Amino acid sequence: MIRVNIAEVRADLSRYLARVERGETVTLCRRNVPIAEIRPLRAAPAKERPIGIDRGMTVPASFFEPLPDELLRAFGGAEGGP
């Protein structure tokens, strides 16, 4: 990690950005007091991640059937709940 005062960075920004591109973190200081960091961004994923069910998972038809009355009562979702 590099600590550098703002005036130094302003004078040679491209050199510090090149170091960030190589993976280094630059800590910006004002009068030798750290105030911010410039760090490399994480690489973008190779391909967009699918939304929803992943890795071949399927939802069985029974998932959509009504719950048994005793289970509904346990959660207070049917008359005569706990």
N, C-alpha and C. Protein backbone atom coordinates (compact mmCIF):
# COMPACT_ATOMS: atom_id res chain seq x y z
N MET A 1 0.85 -1.17 0.00
CA MET A 1 0.00 0.00 0.00
C MET A 1 0.90 1.24 0.00
N ILE A 2 0.53 2.19 -0.82
CA ILE A 2 1.29 3.42 -0.98
C ILE A 2 0.54 4.54 -0.27
N ARG A 3 1.23 5.33 0.54
CA ARG A 3 0.64 6.52 1.17
C ARG A 3 1.24 7.73 0.49
N VAL A 4 0.38 8.61 0.00
CA VAL A 4 0.86 9.76 -0.76
C VAL A 4 -0.04 10.96 -0.50
N ASN A 5 0.57 12.14 -0.42
CA ASN A 5 -0.20 13.36 -0.23
C ASN A 5 -0.86 13.78 -1.55
N ILE A 6 -1.96 14.46 -1.44
CA ILE A 6 -2.77 14.84 -2.59
C ILE A 6 -1.96 15.63 -3.61
N ALA A 7 -1.11 16.54 -3.17
CA ALA A 7 -0.32 17.36 -4.10
C ALA A 7 0.57 16.48 -4.98
N GLU A 8 1.13 15.40 -4.39
CA GLU A 8 1.98 14.49 -5.17
C GLU A 8 1.17 13.75 -6.22
N VAL A 9 -0.01 13.31 -5.83
CA VAL A 9 -0.87 12.58 -6.78
C VAL A 9 -1.31 13.51 -7.90
N ARG A 10 -1.67 14.71 -7.55
CA ARG A 10 -2.11 15.68 -8.54
C ARG A 10 -1.00 15.92 -9.57
N ALA A 11 0.23 15.93 -9.14
CA ALA A 11 1.36 16.21 -10.03
C ALA A 11 1.64 15.05 -10.99
N ASP A 12 1.31 13.81 -10.57
CA ASP A 12 1.63 12.66 -11.42
C ASP A 12 0.57 11.57 -11.29
N LEU A 13 -0.67 11.93 -11.56
CA LEU A 13 -1.79 11.01 -11.40
C LEU A 13 -1.64 9.75 -12.25
N SER A 14 -1.21 9.89 -13.49
CA SER A 14 -1.12 8.72 -14.37
C SER A 14 -0.18 7.65 -13.81
N ARG A 15 0.90 8.06 -13.17
CA ARG A 15 1.84 7.08 -12.60
C ARG A 15 1.17 6.30 -11.46
N TYR A 16 0.41 6.99 -10.60
CA TYR A 16 -0.26 6.30 -9.50
C TYR A 16 -1.40 5.42 -10.00
N LEU A 17 -2.10 5.87 -11.03
CA LEU A 17 -3.16 5.03 -11.59
C LEU A 17 -2.59 3.77 -12.23
N ALA A 18 -1.42 3.86 -12.82
CA ALA A 18 -0.76 2.68 -13.38
C ALA A 18 -0.46 1.67 -12.28
N ARG A 19 -0.05 2.15 -11.13
CA ARG A 19 0.22 1.25 -10.01
C ARG A 19 -1.07 0.60 -9.51
N VAL A 20 -2.15 1.36 -9.50
CA VAL A 20 -3.45 0.80 -9.10
C VAL A 20 -3.86 -0.29 -10.09
N GLU A 21 -3.65 -0.05 -11.38
CA GLU A 21 -3.99 -1.06 -12.39
C GLU A 21 -3.19 -2.34 -12.18
N ARG A 22 -2.01 -2.25 -11.60
CA ARG A 22 -1.19 -3.43 -11.33
C ARG A 22 -1.61 -4.12 -10.03
N GLY A 23 -2.62 -3.56 -9.34
CA GLY A 23 -3.15 -4.23 -8.16
C GLY A 23 -2.81 -3.57 -6.84
N GLU A 24 -2.08 -2.48 -6.85
CA GLU A 24 -1.72 -1.80 -5.61
C GLU A 24 -2.85 -0.87 -5.14
N THR A 25 -2.85 -0.58 -3.85
CA THR A 25 -3.80 0.37 -3.27
C THR A 25 -3.03 1.63 -2.91
N VAL A 26 -3.59 2.78 -3.28
CA VAL A 26 -2.98 4.07 -2.98
C VAL A 26 -3.84 4.75 -1.92
N THR A 27 -3.22 5.11 -0.80
CA THR A 27 -3.92 5.85 0.25
C THR A 27 -3.61 7.33 0.08
N LEU A 28 -4.65 8.13 -0.13
CA LEU A 28 -4.48 9.58 -0.28
C LEU A 28 -4.50 10.23 1.09
N CYS A 29 -3.55 11.12 1.30
CA CYS A 29 -3.42 11.80 2.58
C CYS A 29 -3.50 13.32 2.39
N ARG A 30 -4.02 13.97 3.42
CA ARG A 30 -3.98 15.43 3.49
C ARG A 30 -3.13 15.76 4.71
N ARG A 31 -1.99 16.37 4.48
CA ARG A 31 -1.03 16.67 5.55
C ARG A 31 -0.68 15.40 6.33
N ASN A 32 -0.42 14.33 5.59
CA ASN A 32 -0.02 13.02 6.12
C ASN A 32 -1.10 12.31 6.93
N VAL A 33 -2.35 12.75 6.81
CA VAL A 33 -3.47 12.09 7.47
C VAL A 33 -4.30 11.40 6.39
N PRO A 34 -4.44 10.07 6.44
CA PRO A 34 -5.19 9.35 5.42
C PRO A 34 -6.65 9.82 5.35
N ILE A 35 -7.11 10.06 4.10
CA ILE A 35 -8.50 10.50 3.92
C ILE A 35 -9.26 9.64 2.91
N ALA A 36 -8.55 8.92 2.04
CA ALA A 36 -9.24 8.12 1.02
C ALA A 36 -8.28 7.07 0.47
N GLU A 37 -8.86 6.08 -0.21
CA GLU A 37 -8.06 5.06 -0.88
C GLU A 37 -8.49 4.95 -2.33
N ILE A 38 -7.52 4.67 -3.17
CA ILE A 38 -7.80 4.31 -4.56
C ILE A 38 -7.34 2.87 -4.69
N ARG A 39 -8.26 1.99 -5.05
CA ARG A 39 -7.91 0.58 -5.16
C ARG A 39 -8.47 0.02 -6.45
N PRO A 40 -7.90 -1.06 -6.97
CA PRO A 40 -8.40 -1.64 -8.22
C PRO A 40 -9.79 -2.23 -8.02
N LEU A 41 -10.59 -2.17 -9.07
CA LEU A 41 -11.90 -2.80 -9.05
C LEU A 41 -11.74 -4.29 -9.29
N ARG A 42 -12.66 -5.05 -8.74
CA ARG A 42 -12.64 -6.49 -8.99
C ARG A 42 -12.98 -6.74 -10.45
N ALA A 43 -12.42 -7.78 -10.98
CA ALA A 43 -12.68 -8.12 -12.38
C ALA A 43 -14.15 -8.48 -12.56
N ALA A 44 -14.70 -8.09 -13.69
CA ALA A 44 -16.10 -8.42 -14.00
C ALA A 44 -16.21 -9.92 -14.23
N PRO A 45 -17.35 -10.53 -13.87
CA PRO A 45 -17.51 -11.96 -14.11
C PRO A 45 -17.43 -12.28 -15.59
N ALA A 46 -16.96 -13.48 -15.91
CA ALA A 46 -16.79 -13.89 -17.29
C ALA A 46 -18.12 -13.92 -18.04
N LYS A 47 -19.18 -14.36 -17.36
CA LYS A 47 -20.50 -14.36 -17.99
C LYS A 47 -21.53 -13.96 -16.94
N GLU A 48 -22.64 -13.47 -17.41
CA GLU A 48 -23.69 -13.01 -16.51
C GLU A 48 -24.30 -14.19 -15.78
N ARG A 49 -24.51 -14.03 -14.48
CA ARG A 49 -25.08 -15.09 -13.66
C ARG A 49 -26.59 -15.16 -13.89
N PRO A 50 -27.13 -16.38 -14.08
CA PRO A 50 -28.57 -16.50 -14.30
C PRO A 50 -29.36 -16.11 -13.06
N ILE A 51 -30.54 -15.57 -13.28
CA ILE A 51 -31.42 -15.18 -12.18
C ILE A 51 -32.39 -16.32 -11.93
N GLY A 52 -32.63 -16.63 -10.67
CA GLY A 52 -33.60 -17.66 -10.34
C GLY A 52 -32.94 -18.97 -9.97
N ILE A 53 -33.62 -20.04 -10.29
CA ILE A 53 -33.14 -21.37 -9.94
C ILE A 53 -31.85 -21.66 -10.68
N ASP A 54 -30.90 -22.22 -9.96
CA ASP A 54 -29.58 -22.47 -10.52
C ASP A 54 -29.18 -23.92 -10.28
N ARG A 55 -28.21 -24.37 -11.02
CA ARG A 55 -27.60 -25.69 -10.86
C ARG A 55 -28.60 -26.83 -11.02
N GLY A 56 -29.56 -26.69 -11.91
CA GLY A 56 -30.47 -27.77 -12.22
C GLY A 56 -31.53 -28.05 -11.18
N MET A 57 -31.66 -27.18 -10.18
CA MET A 57 -32.67 -27.40 -9.14
C MET A 57 -34.06 -27.24 -9.73
N THR A 58 -34.98 -28.10 -9.34
CA THR A 58 -36.37 -28.00 -9.78
C THR A 58 -37.28 -27.93 -8.56
N VAL A 59 -38.44 -27.34 -8.73
CA VAL A 59 -39.43 -27.24 -7.66
C VAL A 59 -40.50 -28.29 -7.94
N PRO A 60 -40.72 -29.21 -6.99
CA PRO A 60 -41.74 -30.24 -7.21
C PRO A 60 -43.15 -29.64 -7.21
N ALA A 61 -44.07 -30.30 -7.89
CA ALA A 61 -45.45 -29.83 -7.98
C ALA A 61 -46.08 -29.72 -6.59
N SER A 62 -45.67 -30.57 -5.65
CA SER A 62 -46.24 -30.56 -4.30
C SER A 62 -45.95 -29.25 -3.57
N PHE A 63 -44.96 -28.52 -4.02
CA PHE A 63 -44.62 -27.24 -3.40
C PHE A 63 -45.79 -26.27 -3.47
N PHE A 64 -46.58 -26.37 -4.52
CA PHE A 64 -47.68 -25.43 -4.74
C PHE A 64 -49.00 -25.90 -4.13
N GLU A 65 -49.03 -27.08 -3.53
CA GLU A 65 -50.25 -27.59 -2.90
C GLU A 65 -50.46 -26.90 -1.55
N PRO A 66 -51.72 -26.77 -1.11
CA PRO A 66 -51.99 -26.15 0.19
C PRO A 66 -51.32 -26.93 1.33
N LEU A 67 -50.92 -26.22 2.38
CA LEU A 67 -50.31 -26.88 3.53
C LEU A 67 -51.36 -27.58 4.36
N PRO A 68 -50.98 -28.65 5.08
CA PRO A 68 -51.93 -29.34 5.96
C PRO A 68 -52.43 -28.39 7.05
N ASP A 69 -53.65 -28.61 7.52
CA ASP A 69 -54.26 -27.75 8.54
C ASP A 69 -53.41 -27.67 9.80
N GLU A 70 -52.83 -28.79 10.24
CA GLU A 70 -52.03 -28.77 11.48
C GLU A 70 -50.81 -27.85 11.34
N LEU A 71 -50.21 -27.80 10.17
CA LEU A 71 -49.07 -26.93 9.95
C LEU A 71 -49.51 -25.46 9.88
N LEU A 72 -50.64 -25.22 9.24
CA LEU A 72 -51.18 -23.86 9.20
C LEU A 72 -51.50 -23.36 10.60
N ARG A 73 -52.07 -24.24 11.45
CA ARG A 73 -52.38 -23.85 12.84
C ARG A 73 -51.09 -23.55 13.60
N ALA A 74 -50.03 -24.29 13.35
CA ALA A 74 -48.78 -24.09 14.06
C ALA A 74 -48.21 -22.69 13.79
N PHE A 75 -48.49 -22.17 12.59
CA PHE A 75 -48.01 -20.83 12.24
C PHE A 75 -49.09 -19.77 12.38
N GLY A 76 -50.24 -20.16 12.93
CA GLY A 76 -51.31 -19.20 13.14
C GLY A 76 -52.02 -18.81 11.85
N GLY A 77 -51.98 -19.66 10.84
CA GLY A 77 -52.58 -19.33 9.55
C GLY A 77 -53.93 -19.95 9.32
N ALA A 78 -54.47 -20.67 10.28
CA ALA A 78 -55.79 -21.29 10.14
C ALA A 78 -56.57 -21.01 11.41
N GLU A 79 -57.88 -21.13 11.31
CA GLU A 79 -58.72 -20.91 12.49
C GLU A 79 -58.35 -21.90 13.59
N GLY A 80 -58.44 -21.46 14.81
CA GLY A 80 -58.10 -22.32 15.94
C GLY A 80 -56.60 -22.41 16.13
N GLY A 81 -55.88 -21.38 15.74
CA GLY A 81 -54.43 -21.37 15.88
C GLY A 81 -53.99 -21.39 17.34
N PRO A 82 -52.71 -21.42 17.58
CA PRO A 82 -52.19 -21.55 18.97
C PRO A 82 -52.53 -20.40 19.86
